[in-house]
Amino acid sequence: MEDGDGIVEQKQFETNAKAFYAGQMEIPDRADAGQSEQAAMAQFFGTDEACKGQKINNPIPGYNGHSRRIGADNLFGMTYAEARNAAVSSQGNID
């Protein structure tokens, strides 16, 4: 919080905390979350880092044909068009 906005935000937080906790003895400490914004968003949306080379060997017993790589993508909250575009790009990555 070394930038000007961070200083103003911290002062506003302290003012609001004092007003909110006026009748109480101790004001809780506002510590850093300990993770980056990207890590927090990945945790919130449930995205995992893709593991390269995930394969399923012979998903059908006795079938010796070509088995494509399987990788799951998160489509939560996407429109149909966005999901189709994500599927096409994922397929391009697989191929």
N, C-alpha and C. Protein backbone atom coordinates (compact mmCIF):
# COMPACT_ATOMS: atom_id res chain seq x y z
N MET A 1 0.82 -1.19 0.00
CA MET A 1 0.00 0.00 0.00
C MET A 1 0.87 1.26 0.00
N GLU A 2 1.85 1.26 -0.82
CA GLU A 2 2.74 2.40 -0.86
C GLU A 2 2.24 3.49 -1.78
N ASP A 3 1.24 3.18 -2.60
CA ASP A 3 0.72 4.20 -3.51
C ASP A 3 -0.29 5.09 -2.77
N GLY A 4 -0.64 6.19 -3.40
CA GLY A 4 -1.56 7.14 -2.77
C GLY A 4 -2.93 6.56 -2.49
N ASP A 5 -3.43 5.75 -3.42
CA ASP A 5 -4.75 5.15 -3.22
C ASP A 5 -4.74 4.20 -2.02
N GLY A 6 -3.66 3.46 -1.87
CA GLY A 6 -3.57 2.52 -0.75
C GLY A 6 -3.55 3.23 0.59
N ILE A 7 -2.87 4.38 0.64
CA ILE A 7 -2.81 5.15 1.89
C ILE A 7 -4.19 5.70 2.24
N VAL A 8 -4.87 6.24 1.23
CA VAL A 8 -6.22 6.77 1.45
C VAL A 8 -7.16 5.64 1.86
N GLU A 9 -7.03 4.49 1.20
CA GLU A 9 -7.88 3.35 1.52
C GLU A 9 -7.65 2.88 2.96
N GLN A 10 -6.39 2.85 3.39
CA GLN A 10 -6.07 2.42 4.75
C GLN A 10 -6.63 3.40 5.78
N LYS A 11 -6.50 4.70 5.51
CA LYS A 11 -7.05 5.70 6.43
C LYS A 11 -8.56 5.60 6.52
N GLN A 12 -9.21 5.36 5.38
CA GLN A 12 -10.66 5.21 5.36
C GLN A 12 -11.08 3.97 6.14
N PHE A 13 -10.31 2.88 5.96
CA PHE A 13 -10.59 1.65 6.70
C PHE A 13 -10.49 1.89 8.21
N GLU A 14 -9.42 2.59 8.63
CA GLU A 14 -9.24 2.85 10.05
C GLU A 14 -10.37 3.71 10.62
N THR A 15 -10.80 4.72 9.84
CA THR A 15 -11.92 5.57 10.27
C THR A 15 -13.20 4.75 10.40
N ASN A 16 -13.48 3.93 9.41
CA ASN A 16 -14.68 3.10 9.44
C ASN A 16 -14.61 2.07 10.56
N ALA A 17 -13.43 1.49 10.78
CA ALA A 17 -13.28 0.50 11.85
C ALA A 17 -13.53 1.12 13.21
N LYS A 18 -12.99 2.33 13.42
CA LYS A 18 -13.22 3.01 14.70
C LYS A 18 -14.70 3.31 14.91
N ALA A 19 -15.38 3.72 13.85
CA ALA A 19 -16.82 4.01 13.97
C ALA A 19 -17.62 2.73 14.22
N PHE A 20 -17.25 1.64 13.56
CA PHE A 20 -18.00 0.40 13.67
C PHE A 20 -17.77 -0.26 15.03
N TYR A 21 -16.52 -0.26 15.49
CA TYR A 21 -16.18 -0.93 16.73
C TYR A 21 -16.08 0.06 17.90
N ALA A 22 -16.86 1.12 17.85
CA ALA A 22 -16.76 2.19 18.85
C ALA A 22 -17.02 1.68 20.27
N GLY A 23 -17.97 0.78 20.46
CA GLY A 23 -18.31 0.32 21.80
C GLY A 23 -17.48 -0.86 22.25
N GLN A 24 -16.59 -1.35 21.44
CA GLN A 24 -15.81 -2.53 21.78
C GLN A 24 -14.39 -2.14 22.15
N MET A 25 -13.71 -3.03 22.80
CA MET A 25 -12.37 -2.74 23.29
C MET A 25 -11.30 -2.83 22.21
N GLU A 26 -11.38 -3.84 21.36
CA GLU A 26 -10.27 -4.12 20.44
C GLU A 26 -10.73 -4.08 18.99
N ILE A 27 -9.97 -3.40 18.17
CA ILE A 27 -10.25 -3.34 16.73
C ILE A 27 -9.42 -4.42 16.06
N PRO A 28 -10.05 -5.27 15.23
CA PRO A 28 -9.30 -6.34 14.58
C PRO A 28 -8.23 -5.78 13.64
N ASP A 29 -7.13 -6.49 13.53
CA ASP A 29 -6.02 -6.09 12.67
C ASP A 29 -6.32 -6.49 11.23
N ARG A 30 -6.07 -5.59 10.31
CA ARG A 30 -6.30 -5.88 8.89
C ARG A 30 -4.95 -6.25 8.28
N ALA A 31 -4.67 -7.52 8.26
CA ALA A 31 -3.40 -8.02 7.74
C ALA A 31 -3.56 -8.40 6.27
N ASP A 32 -2.43 -8.50 5.58
CA ASP A 32 -2.46 -8.93 4.18
C ASP A 32 -3.01 -10.34 4.08
N ALA A 33 -3.63 -10.63 2.95
CA ALA A 33 -4.25 -11.93 2.75
C ALA A 33 -3.22 -13.05 2.61
N GLY A 34 -2.01 -12.71 2.20
CA GLY A 34 -0.99 -13.74 2.07
C GLY A 34 -1.02 -14.45 0.73
N GLN A 35 -1.82 -13.97 -0.19
CA GLN A 35 -1.85 -14.56 -1.53
C GLN A 35 -2.13 -13.46 -2.53
N SER A 36 -1.73 -13.73 -3.77
CA SER A 36 -1.91 -12.73 -4.81
C SER A 36 -3.37 -12.71 -5.27
N GLU A 37 -3.70 -11.69 -6.02
CA GLU A 37 -5.06 -11.59 -6.55
C GLU A 37 -5.37 -12.75 -7.48
N GLN A 38 -4.38 -13.12 -8.32
CA GLN A 38 -4.59 -14.25 -9.24
C GLN A 38 -4.81 -15.55 -8.48
N ALA A 39 -4.05 -15.77 -7.42
CA ALA A 39 -4.22 -16.99 -6.62
C ALA A 39 -5.58 -17.01 -5.94
N ALA A 40 -6.04 -15.85 -5.46
CA ALA A 40 -7.34 -15.77 -4.83
C ALA A 40 -8.46 -16.06 -5.84
N MET A 41 -8.32 -15.51 -7.05
CA MET A 41 -9.34 -15.77 -8.07
C MET A 41 -9.33 -17.22 -8.50
N ALA A 42 -8.15 -17.83 -8.61
CA ALA A 42 -8.07 -19.24 -8.97
C ALA A 42 -8.73 -20.10 -7.90
N GLN A 43 -8.53 -19.74 -6.64
CA GLN A 43 -9.16 -20.49 -5.56
C GLN A 43 -10.67 -20.27 -5.56
N PHE A 44 -11.11 -19.04 -5.80
CA PHE A 44 -12.55 -18.74 -5.79
C PHE A 44 -13.27 -19.48 -6.92
N PHE A 45 -12.68 -19.45 -8.13
CA PHE A 45 -13.34 -20.08 -9.27
C PHE A 45 -13.02 -21.57 -9.38
N GLY A 46 -12.15 -22.08 -8.54
CA GLY A 46 -11.87 -23.51 -8.54
C GLY A 46 -11.04 -23.97 -9.71
N THR A 47 -10.19 -23.10 -10.24
CA THR A 47 -9.35 -23.50 -11.36
C THR A 47 -8.05 -24.09 -10.83
N ASP A 48 -7.64 -25.18 -11.42
CA ASP A 48 -6.39 -25.83 -11.06
C ASP A 48 -5.42 -25.65 -12.21
N GLU A 49 -4.14 -25.70 -11.90
CA GLU A 49 -3.15 -25.64 -12.96
C GLU A 49 -3.25 -26.91 -13.78
N ALA A 50 -3.20 -26.72 -15.09
CA ALA A 50 -3.35 -27.86 -15.99
C ALA A 50 -2.13 -28.76 -15.90
N CYS A 51 -2.36 -30.03 -15.78
CA CYS A 51 -1.28 -31.00 -15.79
C CYS A 51 -1.10 -31.46 -17.23
N LYS A 52 0.09 -31.27 -17.75
CA LYS A 52 0.33 -31.68 -19.13
C LYS A 52 0.42 -33.18 -19.22
N GLY A 53 -0.17 -33.71 -20.28
CA GLY A 53 -0.03 -35.12 -20.56
C GLY A 53 -0.95 -36.03 -19.80
N GLN A 54 -2.09 -35.52 -19.33
CA GLN A 54 -3.03 -36.43 -18.70
C GLN A 54 -3.59 -37.36 -19.76
N LYS A 55 -3.50 -38.63 -19.51
CA LYS A 55 -4.02 -39.60 -20.46
C LYS A 55 -4.80 -40.67 -19.72
N ILE A 56 -5.72 -41.25 -20.41
CA ILE A 56 -6.44 -42.40 -19.89
C ILE A 56 -6.10 -43.56 -20.80
N ASN A 57 -5.55 -44.61 -20.23
CA ASN A 57 -5.17 -45.77 -21.02
C ASN A 57 -6.35 -46.71 -21.17
N ASN A 58 -6.76 -46.90 -22.40
CA ASN A 58 -7.83 -47.83 -22.74
C ASN A 58 -9.08 -47.64 -21.89
N PRO A 59 -9.82 -46.54 -22.11
CA PRO A 59 -11.02 -46.32 -21.31
C PRO A 59 -12.09 -47.38 -21.51
N ILE A 60 -12.07 -48.04 -22.66
CA ILE A 60 -13.02 -49.13 -22.92
C ILE A 60 -12.20 -50.42 -22.93
N PRO A 61 -12.51 -51.38 -22.06
CA PRO A 61 -11.72 -52.61 -22.00
C PRO A 61 -11.68 -53.31 -23.36
N GLY A 62 -10.48 -53.63 -23.80
CA GLY A 62 -10.31 -54.33 -25.05
C GLY A 62 -10.17 -53.43 -26.27
N TYR A 63 -10.42 -52.13 -26.12
CA TYR A 63 -10.32 -51.19 -27.25
C TYR A 63 -8.87 -50.77 -27.41
N ASN A 64 -8.33 -50.93 -28.61
CA ASN A 64 -6.93 -50.60 -28.86
C ASN A 64 -6.79 -49.42 -29.81
N GLY A 65 -7.85 -48.66 -30.02
CA GLY A 65 -7.79 -47.51 -30.92
C GLY A 65 -7.12 -46.31 -30.26
N HIS A 66 -7.24 -45.17 -30.89
CA HIS A 66 -6.61 -43.95 -30.40
C HIS A 66 -7.39 -43.39 -29.22
N SER A 67 -6.69 -43.12 -28.12
CA SER A 67 -7.30 -42.50 -26.95
C SER A 67 -6.76 -41.08 -26.83
N ARG A 68 -7.64 -40.10 -26.95
CA ARG A 68 -7.20 -38.70 -26.88
C ARG A 68 -6.95 -38.30 -25.45
N ARG A 69 -6.11 -37.27 -25.31
CA ARG A 69 -5.81 -36.74 -23.98
C ARG A 69 -7.07 -36.11 -23.41
N ILE A 70 -7.24 -36.24 -22.11
CA ILE A 70 -8.40 -35.67 -21.45
C ILE A 70 -7.93 -34.59 -20.49
N GLY A 71 -8.51 -33.42 -20.59
CA GLY A 71 -8.22 -32.34 -19.66
C GLY A 71 -9.51 -31.56 -19.41
N ALA A 72 -9.80 -31.32 -18.15
CA ALA A 72 -11.03 -30.62 -17.80
C ALA A 72 -10.81 -29.12 -17.78
N ASP A 73 -11.77 -28.37 -18.25
CA ASP A 73 -11.75 -26.92 -18.20
C ASP A 73 -12.93 -26.45 -17.38
N ASN A 74 -12.76 -25.31 -16.76
CA ASN A 74 -13.84 -24.73 -15.97
C ASN A 74 -14.70 -23.86 -16.88
N LEU A 75 -15.97 -24.19 -17.02
CA LEU A 75 -16.88 -23.42 -17.86
C LEU A 75 -17.91 -22.67 -17.02
N PHE A 76 -17.70 -22.64 -15.72
CA PHE A 76 -18.65 -22.02 -14.81
C PHE A 76 -18.82 -20.54 -15.12
N GLY A 77 -20.03 -20.11 -15.30
CA GLY A 77 -20.34 -18.70 -15.51
C GLY A 77 -20.12 -18.21 -16.92
N MET A 78 -19.80 -19.09 -17.85
CA MET A 78 -19.59 -18.66 -19.24
C MET A 78 -20.89 -18.74 -20.01
N THR A 79 -20.99 -17.86 -21.00
CA THR A 79 -22.12 -17.97 -21.92
C THR A 79 -21.84 -19.12 -22.87
N TYR A 80 -22.83 -19.47 -23.67
CA TYR A 80 -22.66 -20.57 -24.62
C TYR A 80 -21.53 -20.25 -25.60
N ALA A 81 -21.51 -19.03 -26.10
CA ALA A 81 -20.47 -18.64 -27.08
C ALA A 81 -19.08 -18.68 -26.45
N GLU A 82 -18.96 -18.18 -25.21
CA GLU A 82 -17.66 -18.21 -24.53
C GLU A 82 -17.21 -19.65 -24.29
N ALA A 83 -18.15 -20.52 -23.91
CA ALA A 83 -17.81 -21.92 -23.67
C ALA A 83 -17.36 -22.60 -24.96
N ARG A 84 -18.02 -22.29 -26.06
CA ARG A 84 -17.62 -22.86 -27.36
C ARG A 84 -16.21 -22.38 -27.74
N ASN A 85 -15.93 -21.10 -27.55
CA ASN A 85 -14.60 -20.58 -27.86
C ASN A 85 -13.54 -21.22 -26.97
N ALA A 86 -13.85 -21.40 -25.69
CA ALA A 86 -12.91 -22.06 -24.78
C ALA A 86 -12.67 -23.51 -25.20
N ALA A 87 -13.72 -24.19 -25.65
CA ALA A 87 -13.58 -25.58 -26.09
C ALA A 87 -12.72 -25.66 -27.34
N VAL A 88 -12.90 -24.73 -28.26
CA VAL A 88 -12.11 -24.75 -29.50
C VAL A 88 -10.64 -24.47 -29.17
N SER A 89 -10.37 -23.51 -28.29
CA SER A 89 -8.97 -23.22 -27.95
C SER A 89 -8.35 -24.38 -27.17
N SER A 90 -9.10 -25.04 -26.31
CA SER A 90 -8.59 -26.18 -25.58
C SER A 90 -8.28 -27.33 -26.52
N GLN A 91 -9.15 -27.54 -27.48
CA GLN A 91 -8.92 -28.61 -28.46
C GLN A 91 -7.67 -28.30 -29.28
N GLY A 92 -7.47 -27.01 -29.59
CA GLY A 92 -6.27 -26.62 -30.32
C GLY A 92 -5.02 -26.90 -29.50
N ASN A 93 -5.08 -26.68 -28.18
CA ASN A 93 -3.95 -26.97 -27.31
C ASN A 93 -3.68 -28.46 -27.23
N ILE A 94 -4.74 -29.25 -27.22
CA ILE A 94 -4.59 -30.71 -27.14
C ILE A 94 -3.97 -31.23 -28.43
N ASP A 95 -4.48 -30.72 -29.56
CA ASP A 95 -3.97 -31.20 -30.86
C ASP A 95 -2.54 -30.74 -31.05
